[in-house]
Amino acid sequence: MSRNITVVVYLLAMVVTVVAVDLLFFRHRFRERLIFNIGIVMVYIAFYLTFLNSHH
């Protein structure tokens, strides 16, 4: 059960980060916003696979 809570909190943190960066920096720039959002998601995935994916 705690594993599910960790994943939900992690995903919530990612969504909050993406939305905050969109609103603060890239409000009217679609292409830059898309590229930066993909970068943020890739960093979160890399961090998850490196540090939080410890079930193996």
N, C-alpha and C. Protein backbone atom coordinates (compact mmCIF):
# COMPACT_ATOMS: atom_id res chain seq x y z
N MET A 1 0.81 -1.20 0.00
CA MET A 1 0.00 0.00 0.00
C MET A 1 0.86 1.26 0.00
N SER A 2 1.94 1.26 0.76
CA SER A 2 2.79 2.45 0.82
C SER A 2 3.48 2.70 -0.52
N ARG A 3 3.73 1.65 -1.28
CA ARG A 3 4.33 1.81 -2.62
C ARG A 3 3.39 2.61 -3.53
N ASN A 4 2.10 2.30 -3.47
CA ASN A 4 1.13 3.03 -4.28
C ASN A 4 1.05 4.50 -3.89
N ILE A 5 1.11 4.77 -2.60
CA ILE A 5 1.07 6.15 -2.12
C ILE A 5 2.31 6.90 -2.59
N THR A 6 3.46 6.25 -2.57
CA THR A 6 4.69 6.88 -3.04
C THR A 6 4.59 7.24 -4.51
N VAL A 7 4.06 6.35 -5.32
CA VAL A 7 3.92 6.62 -6.76
C VAL A 7 2.94 7.75 -7.00
N VAL A 8 1.84 7.78 -6.27
CA VAL A 8 0.84 8.84 -6.44
C VAL A 8 1.44 10.19 -6.05
N VAL A 9 2.15 10.25 -4.94
CA VAL A 9 2.78 11.50 -4.52
C VAL A 9 3.83 11.94 -5.53
N TYR A 10 4.58 11.00 -6.07
CA TYR A 10 5.61 11.31 -7.07
C TYR A 10 4.97 11.87 -8.33
N LEU A 11 3.89 11.26 -8.80
CA LEU A 11 3.21 11.75 -9.99
C LEU A 11 2.59 13.13 -9.74
N LEU A 12 2.04 13.34 -8.56
CA LEU A 12 1.50 14.65 -8.22
C LEU A 12 2.58 15.72 -8.23
N ALA A 13 3.75 15.39 -7.71
CA ALA A 13 4.86 16.34 -7.72
C ALA A 13 5.27 16.68 -9.15
N MET A 14 5.26 15.68 -10.03
CA MET A 14 5.61 15.93 -11.43
C MET A 14 4.59 16.85 -12.09
N VAL A 15 3.32 16.60 -11.86
CA VAL A 15 2.27 17.43 -12.46
C VAL A 15 2.35 18.86 -11.94
N VAL A 16 2.57 19.02 -10.64
CA VAL A 16 2.69 20.36 -10.06
C VAL A 16 3.89 21.09 -10.65
N THR A 17 5.00 20.40 -10.84
CA THR A 17 6.19 21.01 -11.42
C THR A 17 5.92 21.47 -12.86
N VAL A 18 5.30 20.62 -13.66
CA VAL A 18 5.02 20.97 -15.05
C VAL A 18 4.07 22.17 -15.12
N VAL A 19 3.01 22.16 -14.34
CA VAL A 19 2.05 23.26 -14.37
C VAL A 19 2.68 24.55 -13.88
N ALA A 20 3.48 24.49 -12.83
CA ALA A 20 4.12 25.69 -12.30
C ALA A 20 5.08 26.30 -13.31
N VAL A 21 5.88 25.47 -13.96
CA VAL A 21 6.82 25.98 -14.97
C VAL A 21 6.06 26.57 -16.15
N ASP A 22 4.98 25.91 -16.56
CA ASP A 22 4.16 26.44 -17.66
C ASP A 22 3.62 27.82 -17.32
N LEU A 23 3.05 27.97 -16.16
CA LEU A 23 2.42 29.24 -15.80
C LEU A 23 3.43 30.34 -15.52
N LEU A 24 4.57 29.99 -14.95
CA LEU A 24 5.55 31.01 -14.58
C LEU A 24 6.42 31.46 -15.75
N PHE A 25 6.80 30.56 -16.63
CA PHE A 25 7.81 30.90 -17.62
C PHE A 25 7.35 30.83 -19.07
N PHE A 26 6.51 29.87 -19.43
CA PHE A 26 6.21 29.60 -20.84
C PHE A 26 4.72 29.75 -21.15
N ARG A 27 4.08 30.76 -20.65
CA ARG A 27 2.64 30.90 -20.82
C ARG A 27 2.23 31.05 -22.28
N HIS A 28 2.95 31.82 -23.06
CA HIS A 28 2.54 32.11 -24.44
C HIS A 28 3.50 31.53 -25.49
N ARG A 29 4.30 30.59 -25.10
CA ARG A 29 5.26 29.97 -26.03
C ARG A 29 5.01 28.48 -26.08
N PHE A 30 4.27 28.05 -27.10
CA PHE A 30 3.84 26.65 -27.17
C PHE A 30 5.01 25.70 -27.38
N ARG A 31 5.84 25.96 -28.36
CA ARG A 31 6.92 25.03 -28.70
C ARG A 31 7.92 24.88 -27.56
N GLU A 32 8.32 25.99 -26.95
CA GLU A 32 9.27 25.92 -25.83
C GLU A 32 8.65 25.20 -24.64
N ARG A 33 7.36 25.45 -24.41
CA ARG A 33 6.66 24.80 -23.30
C ARG A 33 6.61 23.29 -23.51
N LEU A 34 6.30 22.87 -24.72
CA LEU A 34 6.22 21.44 -25.03
C LEU A 34 7.58 20.76 -24.83
N ILE A 35 8.62 21.37 -25.34
CA ILE A 35 9.97 20.80 -25.21
C ILE A 35 10.37 20.71 -23.75
N PHE A 36 10.13 21.77 -22.99
CA PHE A 36 10.52 21.78 -21.59
C PHE A 36 9.70 20.78 -20.78
N ASN A 37 8.41 20.64 -21.09
CA ASN A 37 7.58 19.66 -20.38
C ASN A 37 8.06 18.24 -20.64
N ILE A 38 8.44 17.95 -21.87
CA ILE A 38 8.98 16.62 -22.18
C ILE A 38 10.28 16.40 -21.40
N GLY A 39 11.11 17.43 -21.30
CA GLY A 39 12.34 17.33 -20.53
C GLY A 39 12.09 17.07 -19.06
N ILE A 40 11.11 17.76 -18.49
CA ILE A 40 10.78 17.55 -17.07
C ILE A 40 10.31 16.12 -16.84
N VAL A 41 9.44 15.63 -17.71
CA VAL A 41 8.93 14.26 -17.56
C VAL A 41 10.07 13.26 -17.70
N MET A 42 10.99 13.48 -18.62
CA MET A 42 12.13 12.56 -18.78
C MET A 42 13.03 12.56 -17.54
N VAL A 43 13.24 13.72 -16.94
CA VAL A 43 14.04 13.79 -15.71
C VAL A 43 13.34 13.04 -14.58
N TYR A 44 12.04 13.21 -14.44
CA TYR A 44 11.30 12.48 -13.42
C TYR A 44 11.34 10.98 -13.65
N ILE A 45 11.23 10.55 -14.90
CA ILE A 45 11.29 9.11 -15.21
C ILE A 45 12.68 8.57 -14.89
N ALA A 46 13.72 9.29 -15.26
CA ALA A 46 15.09 8.84 -14.97
C ALA A 46 15.32 8.74 -13.47
N PHE A 47 14.84 9.73 -12.72
CA PHE A 47 14.99 9.70 -11.27
C PHE A 47 14.23 8.52 -10.68
N TYR A 48 13.02 8.28 -11.16
CA TYR A 48 12.22 7.17 -10.67
C TYR A 48 12.91 5.83 -10.94
N LEU A 49 13.37 5.65 -12.16
CA LEU A 49 14.01 4.38 -12.50
C LEU A 49 15.32 4.17 -11.76
N THR A 50 16.01 5.26 -11.43
CA THR A 50 17.29 5.15 -10.74
C THR A 50 17.14 4.93 -9.25
N PHE A 51 16.25 5.68 -8.61
CA PHE A 51 16.21 5.68 -7.15
C PHE A 51 14.97 5.04 -6.54
N LEU A 52 13.84 5.14 -7.17
CA LEU A 52 12.60 4.68 -6.54
C LEU A 52 12.13 3.31 -7.03
N ASN A 53 12.67 2.82 -8.10
CA ASN A 53 12.25 1.55 -8.65
C ASN A 53 13.09 0.43 -8.02
N SER A 54 12.84 0.15 -6.77
CA SER A 54 13.69 -0.79 -6.04
C SER A 54 13.02 -2.14 -5.80
N HIS A 55 12.09 -2.53 -6.65
CA HIS A 55 11.43 -3.82 -6.45
C HIS A 55 12.17 -4.98 -7.07
N HIS A 56 13.29 -4.73 -7.77
CA HIS A 56 14.07 -5.82 -8.39
C HIS A 56 15.11 -6.33 -7.44
